[in-house]
Amino acid sequence: MKLTLTQQFQDYLKSLGADFSVLLEKAGLPNKTWQEDIVLTDLEYYRLLLTFDDVMTEEAICNLSRIEHIQLFIPAFFAALSAQNGLEAIERFAHYKHLVGPIDLDIVSSDKTVSVHYRYAISELALPKFAILNEQLLLLNLIRVGTGERITPLAVSSPFDYAESTLLEFGVSVQKSNSNAIVFDKVDLEKPFITQNNVMWQYLELQLNHQLELLNRDNSFSQHVQQTLFSALPSGHFQIEDVATNLGVSVRTLQRHLSAEQTTFQKQVQIVRKAMALSYLQLQLSSEEIADLLGYSEVNAFIRAFKQWTGRTVSAYRKEIAAKD
């Protein structure tokens, strides 16, 4: 995906204690902040989310979720605020969400409620606390700004504990759960938006549809390989021949495409294994379970690989997660 980083937005992040140059360095990504547009794969974006999770306090996340600030930098929020009500705004934002980041919204609607769940575009990767809290607050603030009212959700759930100040922001207690959700009363979402702007929407719709088309077209070959590996690794069928067959190409064609992108099949395997390992550790799976899911025949092989990837032992990383929680 293409991440647009105007100098204004970088300055805004810095005011919240998040220097984007430092974040990129911590995530092990090349520092290209001199460019306005930075192209990241879904896995690189996930590493960036984990880095945000490490450095940002809940107070900073709450400030980052202020829609009145964010809408200045991200047209997809303008599109949602231009809707006639919250129901249309949520549907519209879900449609264009990948222009903001590879996080999907699952919307479940009943006669009286609308529930929104968040998941990473690569379903095998668990969303960190930063991503879930930021997304929940962004949506809530979107509805509040649109209606001009301090709408309170019916329920909020998350795998993570939130600070008391964050609970006051939601206006409701947060249920600890393995999944995440924010639930609204449909009556609240049917209230007309004071920010409705049909003229703005007519201008934005063509532009956003064009951006979405480009995003879907520009996926690299290595991203397709990575996507296949996420399913192939737990099954044990992740040899290069297996992946090539799954993608409908020969082994030589697969290698040639990856070489053109200055990478190799083995590098892609390690990139996916590392991302999956970090995600599974967030879910508190045992080392034995993780080693099996990553296609290792021995747990010690996984432990050695993790040390090479991160410079830390598995046990040290677990302690860091526990301390943060």
Protein backbone atom coordinates (compact mmCIF):
# COMPACT_ATOMS: atom_id res chain seq x y z
CA MET A 1 0.00 0.00 0.00
CA LYS A 2 1.02 3.62 -0.44
CA LEU A 3 1.33 5.61 2.79
CA THR A 4 1.07 9.35 2.22
CA LEU A 5 3.20 11.33 4.66
CA THR A 6 2.81 15.06 4.24
CA GLN A 7 5.13 17.21 6.31
CA GLN A 8 2.02 18.42 8.17
CA PHE A 9 1.15 14.87 9.17
CA GLN A 10 4.71 14.08 10.24
CA ASP A 11 4.75 17.23 12.37
CA TYR A 12 1.42 16.20 13.91
CA LEU A 13 2.79 12.75 14.79
CA LYS A 14 5.91 14.36 16.29
CA SER A 15 3.72 16.56 18.49
CA LEU A 16 2.25 13.30 19.88
CA GLY A 17 5.71 11.91 20.62
CA ALA A 18 5.96 9.77 17.48
CA ASP A 19 8.81 10.83 15.20
CA PHE A 20 8.13 8.95 11.97
CA SER A 21 11.82 8.69 11.07
CA VAL A 22 12.48 6.98 14.40
CA LEU A 23 9.45 4.71 13.96
CA LEU A 24 10.68 3.55 10.55
CA GLU A 25 14.15 2.85 11.99
CA LYS A 26 12.70 0.85 14.91
CA ALA A 27 10.55 -1.14 12.47
CA GLY A 28 13.63 -1.95 10.38
CA LEU A 29 12.21 -0.08 7.37
CA PRO A 30 14.11 2.31 5.07
CA ASN A 31 13.76 5.96 6.04
CA LYS A 32 12.17 7.66 3.05
CA THR A 33 10.41 10.46 4.88
CA TRP A 34 11.87 12.88 2.33
CA GLN A 35 9.33 11.32 -0.06
CA GLU A 36 5.68 12.23 0.46
CA ASP A 37 4.53 8.75 -0.55
CA ILE A 38 6.09 5.64 1.00
CA VAL A 39 5.14 2.26 -0.46
CA LEU A 40 4.86 -0.53 2.12
CA THR A 41 3.89 -4.17 1.79
CA ASP A 42 1.24 -5.51 4.14
CA LEU A 43 3.98 -7.13 6.25
CA GLU A 44 6.01 -3.92 6.43
CA TYR A 45 2.88 -2.07 7.52
CA TYR A 46 2.34 -4.68 10.23
CA ARG A 47 5.88 -4.13 11.51
CA LEU A 48 5.08 -0.42 11.64
CA LEU A 49 1.92 -1.13 13.69
CA LEU A 50 3.97 -3.17 16.18
CA THR A 51 6.42 -0.28 16.48
CA PHE A 52 3.59 2.20 17.11
CA ASP A 53 2.36 -0.24 19.75
CA ASP A 54 5.76 -0.14 21.45
CA VAL A 55 6.21 3.63 21.59
CA MET A 56 2.77 5.24 21.88
CA THR A 57 0.96 5.75 25.16
CA GLU A 58 -2.82 5.39 25.40
CA GLU A 59 -3.07 9.16 25.79
CA ALA A 60 -1.18 9.65 22.52
CA ILE A 61 -3.39 7.05 20.78
CA CYS A 62 -6.50 8.90 21.96
CA ASN A 63 -5.11 12.16 20.54
CA LEU A 64 -4.17 10.45 17.26
CA SER A 65 -7.77 9.25 16.99
CA ARG A 66 -9.24 12.76 16.97
CA ILE A 67 -11.05 12.75 13.66
CA GLU A 68 -11.06 16.56 13.49
CA HIS A 69 -7.24 16.39 13.21
CA ILE A 70 -6.84 13.26 11.09
CA GLN A 71 -9.38 14.28 8.44
CA LEU A 72 -7.00 17.06 7.41
CA PHE A 73 -4.56 14.44 6.08
CA ILE A 74 -6.68 11.49 4.92
CA PRO A 75 -9.37 12.00 2.21
CA ALA A 76 -11.17 8.74 3.12
CA PHE A 77 -12.31 10.39 6.36
CA PHE A 78 -13.67 13.36 4.42
CA ALA A 79 -15.65 10.86 2.35
CA ALA A 80 -17.16 9.27 5.46
CA LEU A 81 -18.01 12.63 7.05
CA SER A 82 -19.72 13.69 3.82
CA ALA A 83 -22.23 10.83 4.23
CA GLN A 84 -25.87 11.43 5.18
CA ASN A 85 -25.62 9.46 8.47
CA GLY A 86 -23.50 7.05 10.50
CA LEU A 87 -24.77 3.95 8.71
CA GLU A 88 -23.66 5.27 5.33
CA ALA A 89 -20.43 6.65 6.82
CA ILE A 90 -19.38 3.25 8.21
CA GLU A 91 -20.17 1.45 4.95
CA ARG A 92 -18.35 4.10 2.94
CA PHE A 93 -15.29 4.06 5.20
CA ALA A 94 -15.15 0.25 5.20
CA HIS A 95 -15.10 0.31 1.40
CA TYR A 96 -12.13 2.70 1.25
CA LYS A 97 -10.34 1.46 4.39
CA HIS A 98 -7.41 -0.07 2.51
CA LEU A 99 -6.48 3.41 1.30
CA VAL A 100 -5.67 4.16 4.94
CA GLY A 101 -4.11 0.81 5.85
CA PRO A 102 -4.55 -2.96 5.38
CA ILE A 103 -7.12 -3.35 8.16
CA ASP A 104 -10.59 -4.69 7.35
CA LEU A 105 -13.93 -3.82 8.94
CA ASP A 106 -16.51 -6.56 9.41
CA ILE A 107 -19.95 -5.01 9.88
CA VAL A 108 -22.74 -7.03 11.49
CA SER A 109 -26.14 -5.36 11.44
CA SER A 110 -29.33 -6.39 13.24
CA ASP A 111 -32.71 -4.70 13.68
CA LYS A 112 -31.45 -2.54 16.55
CA THR A 113 -27.64 -2.60 16.55
CA VAL A 114 -24.59 -2.37 14.31
CA SER A 115 -21.40 -4.11 15.42
CA VAL A 116 -18.00 -3.38 13.86
CA HIS A 117 -15.07 -5.81 14.18
CA TYR A 118 -11.50 -5.17 13.01
CA ARG A 119 -9.01 -7.64 11.56
CA TYR A 120 -5.75 -7.39 9.68
CA ALA A 121 -5.87 -7.92 5.92
CA ILE A 122 -3.71 -11.00 6.52
CA SER A 123 -6.04 -12.84 8.87
CA GLU A 124 -3.23 -14.88 10.43
CA LEU A 125 -1.76 -11.72 12.00
CA ALA A 126 -3.31 -10.52 15.26
CA LEU A 127 -3.90 -6.79 15.53
CA PRO A 128 -1.82 -5.18 18.32
CA LYS A 129 -3.37 -2.98 20.98
CA PHE A 130 -2.44 0.26 19.20
CA ALA A 131 -4.33 -0.74 16.05
CA ILE A 132 -7.49 -1.93 17.79
CA LEU A 133 -7.77 1.02 20.17
CA ASN A 134 -6.95 3.55 17.45
CA GLU A 135 -9.53 2.09 15.07
CA GLN A 136 -12.27 1.90 17.69
CA LEU A 137 -11.73 5.49 18.79
CA LEU A 138 -11.45 6.75 15.20
CA LEU A 139 -14.83 5.26 14.34
CA LEU A 140 -16.45 6.58 17.51
CA ASN A 141 -15.04 10.07 16.91
CA LEU A 142 -16.20 9.89 13.29
CA ILE A 143 -19.78 9.31 14.44
CA ARG A 144 -19.54 12.03 17.09
CA VAL A 145 -18.17 14.67 14.71
CA GLY A 146 -20.68 13.71 12.01
CA THR A 147 -23.72 13.96 14.29
CA GLY A 148 -22.42 16.78 16.46
CA GLU A 149 -23.40 14.70 19.48
CA ARG A 150 -21.39 12.77 22.06
CA ILE A 151 -22.65 9.37 20.93
CA THR A 152 -21.91 6.53 23.39
CA PRO A 153 -21.53 2.98 22.03
CA LEU A 154 -23.68 0.22 23.50
CA ALA A 155 -20.64 -2.00 24.05
CA VAL A 156 -16.90 -2.20 23.41
CA SER A 157 -14.71 -5.31 23.63
CA SER A 158 -10.97 -5.85 23.20
CA PRO A 159 -8.28 -8.43 23.99
CA PHE A 160 -6.44 -5.64 25.86
CA ASP A 161 -7.01 -3.66 29.04
CA TYR A 162 -7.59 0.08 28.61
CA ALA A 163 -6.70 2.88 31.02
CA GLU A 164 -9.39 4.64 33.05
CA SER A 165 -8.99 7.81 30.96
CA THR A 166 -9.63 5.77 27.80
CA LEU A 167 -12.78 4.25 29.31
CA LEU A 168 -14.03 7.79 29.98
CA GLU A 169 -13.43 8.57 26.31
CA PHE A 170 -15.64 5.64 25.28
CA GLY A 171 -18.21 6.45 27.96
CA VAL A 172 -18.78 2.74 28.59
CA SER A 173 -16.88 -0.10 30.25
CA VAL A 174 -14.79 -2.29 27.94
CA GLN A 175 -15.25 -6.05 28.05
CA LYS A 176 -12.09 -8.18 27.92
CA SER A 177 -12.46 -10.64 25.06
CA ASN A 178 -10.39 -12.67 22.61
CA SER A 179 -11.99 -10.65 19.81
CA ASN A 180 -12.71 -6.94 19.36
CA ALA A 181 -15.93 -5.07 18.67
CA ILE A 182 -17.62 -1.72 19.01
CA VAL A 183 -21.43 -1.83 19.00
CA PHE A 184 -23.73 1.08 18.22
CA ASP A 185 -27.44 1.63 18.63
CA LYS A 186 -28.83 1.80 15.09
CA VAL A 187 -30.97 4.80 16.13
CA ASP A 188 -27.76 6.75 16.79
CA LEU A 189 -26.32 5.78 13.40
CA GLU A 190 -29.50 6.91 11.63
CA LYS A 191 -29.14 10.46 12.94
CA PRO A 192 -28.36 12.89 10.11
CA PHE A 193 -24.77 14.10 9.76
CA ILE A 194 -24.31 17.84 10.14
CA THR A 195 -21.15 17.36 8.04
CA GLN A 196 -23.03 15.91 5.04
CA ASN A 197 -21.57 17.36 1.85
CA ASN A 198 -22.81 15.96 -1.45
CA VAL A 199 -20.63 18.33 -3.49
CA MET A 200 -17.49 17.16 -1.66
CA TRP A 201 -18.55 13.53 -2.10
CA GLN A 202 -19.04 13.94 -5.86
CA TYR A 203 -15.51 15.26 -6.08
CA LEU A 204 -13.99 12.62 -3.78
CA GLU A 205 -15.75 9.51 -5.09
CA LEU A 206 -14.03 9.52 -8.48
CA GLN A 207 -10.65 10.24 -6.91
CA LEU A 208 -10.95 7.54 -4.21
CA ASN A 209 -12.20 4.91 -6.66
CA HIS A 210 -9.19 5.63 -8.86
CA GLN A 211 -6.82 5.29 -5.88
CA LEU A 212 -8.47 2.00 -4.89
CA GLU A 213 -8.09 0.67 -8.43
CA LEU A 214 -4.40 1.56 -8.45
CA LEU A 215 -3.89 -0.05 -5.04
CA ASN A 216 -5.46 -3.33 -6.17
CA ARG A 217 -3.45 -3.28 -9.39
CA ASP A 218 -0.06 -2.50 -7.86
CA ASN A 219 0.31 -5.51 -5.55
CA SER A 220 3.81 -6.91 -6.01
CA PHE A 221 4.51 -10.55 -6.85
CA SER A 222 6.25 -11.03 -3.50
CA GLN A 223 3.02 -10.00 -1.77
CA HIS A 224 1.18 -12.80 -3.58
CA VAL A 225 3.90 -15.21 -2.46
CA GLN A 226 3.61 -14.00 1.13
CA GLN A 227 -0.17 -14.35 1.06
CA THR A 228 0.18 -17.95 -0.10
CA LEU A 229 2.81 -18.73 2.55
CA PHE A 230 0.53 -17.60 5.38
CA SER A 231 -1.80 -20.49 4.57
CA ALA A 232 0.90 -22.92 3.43
CA LEU A 233 3.20 -22.77 6.48
CA PRO A 234 0.75 -24.25 9.04
CA SER A 235 -0.19 -27.01 6.58
CA GLY A 236 3.45 -28.04 6.08
CA HIS A 237 3.15 -27.68 2.29
CA PHE A 238 5.28 -24.57 1.82
CA GLN A 239 8.11 -25.75 -0.42
CA ILE A 240 8.78 -23.62 -3.46
CA GLU A 241 7.09 -26.23 -5.68
CA ASP A 242 3.94 -26.08 -3.53
CA VAL A 243 3.76 -22.28 -3.66
CA ALA A 244 4.44 -22.14 -7.39
CA THR A 245 1.64 -24.65 -8.04
CA ASN A 246 -0.72 -22.63 -5.83
CA LEU A 247 0.06 -19.47 -7.79
CA GLY A 248 -0.27 -21.26 -11.14
CA VAL A 249 3.31 -20.62 -12.29
CA SER A 250 6.46 -22.70 -12.74
CA VAL A 251 9.23 -22.67 -10.15
CA ARG A 252 11.50 -20.85 -12.63
CA THR A 253 8.86 -18.17 -13.26
CA LEU A 254 8.35 -17.70 -9.52
CA GLN A 255 12.10 -17.32 -8.96
CA ARG A 256 12.42 -14.91 -11.88
CA HIS A 257 9.63 -12.65 -10.60
CA LEU A 258 11.11 -12.58 -7.09
CA SER A 259 14.58 -11.89 -8.48
CA ALA A 260 13.16 -8.92 -10.38
CA GLU A 261 11.96 -7.57 -7.03
CA GLN A 262 15.44 -8.19 -5.56
CA THR A 263 14.38 -10.95 -3.20
CA THR A 264 14.34 -14.76 -3.00
CA PHE A 265 11.85 -17.42 -1.99
CA GLN A 266 13.77 -18.22 1.21
CA LYS A 267 13.78 -14.53 2.19
CA GLN A 268 10.01 -14.47 1.75
CA VAL A 269 9.63 -17.56 3.93
CA GLN A 270 11.64 -15.91 6.71
CA ILE A 271 9.74 -12.62 6.39
CA VAL A 272 6.41 -14.43 6.79
CA ARG A 273 7.67 -16.66 9.61
CA LYS A 274 8.87 -13.64 11.58
CA ALA A 275 5.57 -11.78 11.17
CA MET A 276 3.57 -14.85 12.17
CA ALA A 277 5.82 -15.48 15.18
CA LEU A 278 5.34 -11.94 16.50
CA SER A 279 1.60 -12.25 16.03
CA TYR A 280 1.37 -15.65 17.75
CA LEU A 281 3.44 -14.37 20.68
CA GLN A 282 0.91 -11.55 21.08
CA LEU A 283 -1.73 -14.31 21.34
CA GLN A 284 0.39 -16.02 24.04
CA LEU A 285 0.80 -19.32 22.17
CA SER A 286 3.50 -21.65 23.45
CA SER A 287 6.84 -21.94 21.64
CA GLU A 288 5.95 -25.51 20.68
CA GLU A 289 2.68 -24.41 19.10
CA ILE A 290 4.34 -21.54 17.24
CA ALA A 291 7.16 -23.75 15.94
CA ASP A 292 4.56 -26.19 14.57
CA LEU A 293 2.50 -23.43 12.92
CA LEU A 294 5.62 -21.99 11.29
CA GLY A 295 6.61 -25.34 9.78
CA TYR A 296 9.59 -26.10 12.04
CA SER A 297 10.21 -29.74 12.90
CA GLU A 298 11.94 -28.77 16.17
CA VAL A 299 11.11 -26.01 18.65
CA ASN A 300 14.82 -25.16 19.08
CA ALA A 301 15.03 -24.29 15.39
CA PHE A 302 12.30 -21.71 15.91
CA ILE A 303 13.97 -20.33 19.05
CA ARG A 304 17.28 -19.89 17.21
CA ALA A 305 15.55 -18.24 14.24
CA PHE A 306 13.67 -15.81 16.50
CA LYS A 307 16.94 -14.70 18.10
CA GLN A 308 18.39 -14.06 14.62
CA TRP A 309 15.31 -12.07 13.54
CA THR A 310 14.95 -9.85 16.59
CA GLY A 311 18.18 -10.02 18.57
CA ARG A 312 16.08 -11.13 21.56
CA THR A 313 15.15 -14.47 23.02
CA VAL A 314 11.55 -15.67 22.94
CA SER A 315 11.34 -15.50 26.74
CA ALA A 316 12.67 -11.91 26.77
CA TYR A 317 10.10 -10.89 24.17
CA ARG A 318 7.31 -12.50 26.23
CA LYS A 319 8.43 -10.50 29.28
CA GLU A 320 8.30 -7.28 27.24
CA ILE A 321 4.72 -8.06 26.17
CA ALA A 322 3.72 -8.87 29.74
CA ALA A 323 5.32 -5.68 31.09
CA LYS A 324 3.53 -3.57 28.47
CA ASP A 325 0.18 -5.16 29.28
